[in-house]
């Protein structure tokens, strides 16, 4: 009950911020954990929107594939002006897929230049293809 009340109060306070935020989609109101900010200092700048799932707030990001192989995928996370700001390399499971053009494709088969959606839960570090799905192992983060 306390969690529900706290969540309701948080959302009540966040709605005016989201409504007045213009194109930042509530991103300025996100309270990122110190862990997330240490790994990705540009988390707010790169934010494209918010999604709530299983009592967690997931922040939406857009990335452009730089390279993909059998071992890893590297993407540049883009700001709202489509400028590459942060490069992330991750190791998706061999069978982990992403939906592109209504078709499931293995991450490791994505082509350079392809834009993909990603999520990070604001309260803890981890890269997700969709909120609530298994976390993908991040092997490297580089600020550009």
Protein backbone atom coordinates (compact mmCIF):
# COMPACT_ATOMS: atom_id res chain seq x y z
CA UNK A 1 0.00 0.00 0.00
CA UNK A 2 2.81 2.41 0.90
CA UNK A 3 4.52 1.65 -2.43
CA UNK A 4 1.31 2.34 -4.33
CA UNK A 5 0.76 5.61 -2.47
CA UNK A 6 4.37 6.69 -3.03
CA UNK A 7 4.11 5.84 -6.74
CA UNK A 8 0.83 7.75 -7.05
CA UNK A 9 2.37 10.81 -5.36
CA UNK A 10 5.44 10.60 -7.59
CA UNK A 11 3.31 10.38 -10.72
CA UNK A 12 1.10 13.24 -9.54
CA UNK A 13 4.18 15.41 -9.15
CA UNK A 14 5.71 14.22 -12.43
CA UNK A 15 2.65 14.86 -14.62
CA UNK A 16 2.97 18.67 -14.52
CA UNK A 17 6.69 18.36 -15.28
CA UNK A 18 5.97 16.07 -18.23
CA UNK A 19 3.16 18.30 -19.48
CA UNK A 20 5.33 21.40 -19.41
CA UNK A 21 8.50 19.73 -20.62
CA UNK A 22 7.87 20.19 -24.33
CA UNK A 23 10.03 17.72 -26.20
CA UNK A 24 12.01 16.35 -23.25
CA UNK A 25 9.21 13.86 -22.44
CA UNK A 26 9.80 14.14 -18.69
CA UNK A 27 13.48 13.32 -19.00
CA UNK A 28 14.57 16.27 -16.85
CA UNK A 29 12.47 14.94 -13.97
CA UNK A 30 14.11 11.48 -13.91
CA UNK A 31 16.02 10.71 -10.74
CA UNK A 32 18.84 8.49 -12.02
CA UNK A 33 20.74 6.34 -9.54
CA UNK A 34 24.38 7.25 -8.88
CA UNK A 35 25.34 3.95 -10.56
CA UNK A 36 23.60 4.93 -13.81
CA UNK A 37 25.10 8.43 -13.78
CA UNK A 38 28.60 7.04 -13.14
CA UNK A 39 28.31 4.66 -16.12
CA UNK A 40 26.51 7.10 -18.42
CA UNK A 41 26.95 10.76 -17.44
CA UNK A 42 24.89 11.89 -20.46
CA UNK A 43 21.84 9.84 -19.45
CA UNK A 44 19.50 12.86 -19.27
CA UNK A 45 20.79 14.45 -22.47
CA UNK A 46 20.23 11.23 -24.43
CA UNK A 47 16.78 10.48 -22.96
CA UNK A 48 13.95 10.19 -25.51
CA UNK A 49 11.12 9.39 -23.12
CA UNK A 50 9.95 7.34 -20.16
CA UNK A 51 8.10 4.06 -19.73
CA UNK A 52 6.91 2.47 -16.51
CA UNK A 53 6.85 -1.31 -16.07
CA UNK A 54 6.86 -3.58 -13.00
CA UNK A 55 7.27 -0.61 -10.61
CA UNK A 56 10.35 0.56 -12.52
CA UNK A 57 10.91 3.69 -14.60
CA UNK A 58 12.67 2.86 -17.86
CA UNK A 59 14.32 5.59 -19.89
CA UNK A 60 14.13 5.28 -23.67
CA UNK A 61 17.23 5.80 -25.85
CA UNK A 62 17.90 5.57 -29.58
CA UNK A 63 21.12 4.06 -30.85
CA UNK A 64 22.69 3.60 -34.27
CA UNK A 65 24.55 0.35 -34.91
CA UNK A 66 28.28 0.90 -35.50
CA UNK A 67 29.22 -2.78 -35.76
CA UNK A 68 27.90 -6.24 -34.96
CA UNK A 69 29.59 -9.60 -34.74
CA UNK A 70 29.07 -13.03 -33.23
CA UNK A 71 30.45 -11.69 -29.93
CA UNK A 72 29.17 -8.14 -29.54
CA UNK A 73 27.17 -5.24 -30.88
CA UNK A 74 28.38 -1.63 -30.71
CA UNK A 75 25.95 1.28 -30.95
CA UNK A 76 26.24 5.04 -30.70
CA UNK A 77 23.51 6.48 -28.50
CA UNK A 78 22.09 9.59 -30.15
CA UNK A 79 20.85 12.83 -28.64
CA UNK A 80 17.67 14.53 -29.86
CA UNK A 81 19.67 16.21 -32.65
CA UNK A 82 20.85 12.76 -33.84
CA UNK A 83 24.41 13.46 -32.67
CA UNK A 84 26.36 10.44 -31.37
CA UNK A 85 27.24 11.12 -27.72
CA UNK A 86 27.92 7.77 -26.06
CA UNK A 87 29.23 4.52 -27.57
CA UNK A 88 28.02 1.30 -25.91
CA UNK A 89 29.22 -2.22 -26.64
CA UNK A 90 27.08 -5.07 -25.36
CA UNK A 91 26.93 -8.84 -25.67
CA UNK A 92 23.36 -9.97 -26.33
CA UNK A 93 22.50 -13.63 -25.92
CA UNK A 94 23.03 -15.58 -29.16
CA UNK A 95 19.27 -15.87 -29.69
CA UNK A 96 18.28 -12.41 -28.43
CA UNK A 97 16.28 -10.51 -31.03
CA UNK A 98 15.14 -7.02 -31.82
CA UNK A 99 12.01 -6.17 -33.82
CA UNK A 100 12.77 -4.17 -36.96
CA UNK A 101 10.14 -3.45 -39.60
CA UNK A 102 7.76 -5.87 -37.85
CA UNK A 103 10.31 -8.68 -38.17
CA UNK A 104 12.43 -10.24 -35.44
CA UNK A 105 16.15 -10.07 -36.17
CA UNK A 106 19.03 -11.30 -34.05
CA UNK A 107 21.01 -8.39 -32.60
CA UNK A 108 24.18 -9.91 -33.95
CA UNK A 109 22.77 -9.73 -37.48
CA UNK A 110 21.98 -6.01 -37.38
CA UNK A 111 23.75 -3.85 -39.92
CA UNK A 112 25.76 -0.64 -39.37
CA UNK A 113 23.56 2.44 -39.60
CA UNK A 114 20.44 0.67 -38.31
CA UNK A 115 18.63 2.62 -35.58
CA UNK A 116 17.48 0.66 -32.54
CA UNK A 117 15.59 1.46 -29.35
CA UNK A 118 17.11 0.75 -25.93
CA UNK A 119 16.07 1.25 -22.32
CA UNK A 120 17.87 1.75 -19.03
CA UNK A 121 16.05 1.44 -15.72
CA UNK A 122 16.60 4.76 -13.92
CA UNK A 123 17.29 3.08 -10.57
CA UNK A 124 20.00 0.63 -11.69
CA UNK A 125 22.53 0.18 -14.46
CA UNK A 126 21.65 -2.21 -17.27
CA UNK A 127 20.73 -2.08 -20.94
CA UNK A 128 17.40 -3.53 -22.05
CA UNK A 129 15.95 -4.06 -25.51
CA UNK A 130 12.50 -3.51 -23.95
CA UNK A 131 11.34 -2.76 -20.40
CA UNK A 132 10.94 -5.95 -18.38
CA UNK A 133 13.06 -8.10 -20.72
CA UNK A 134 16.39 -9.65 -19.65
CA UNK A 135 19.24 -7.21 -19.15
CA UNK A 136 21.99 -7.30 -21.80
CA UNK A 137 25.60 -7.50 -20.69
CA UNK A 138 27.37 -4.18 -21.33
CA UNK A 139 31.08 -4.65 -21.94
CA UNK A 140 32.15 -1.07 -22.67
CA UNK A 141 30.82 2.48 -22.42
CA UNK A 142 32.69 5.36 -24.03
CA UNK A 143 31.79 9.06 -24.09
CA UNK A 144 32.32 10.52 -27.56
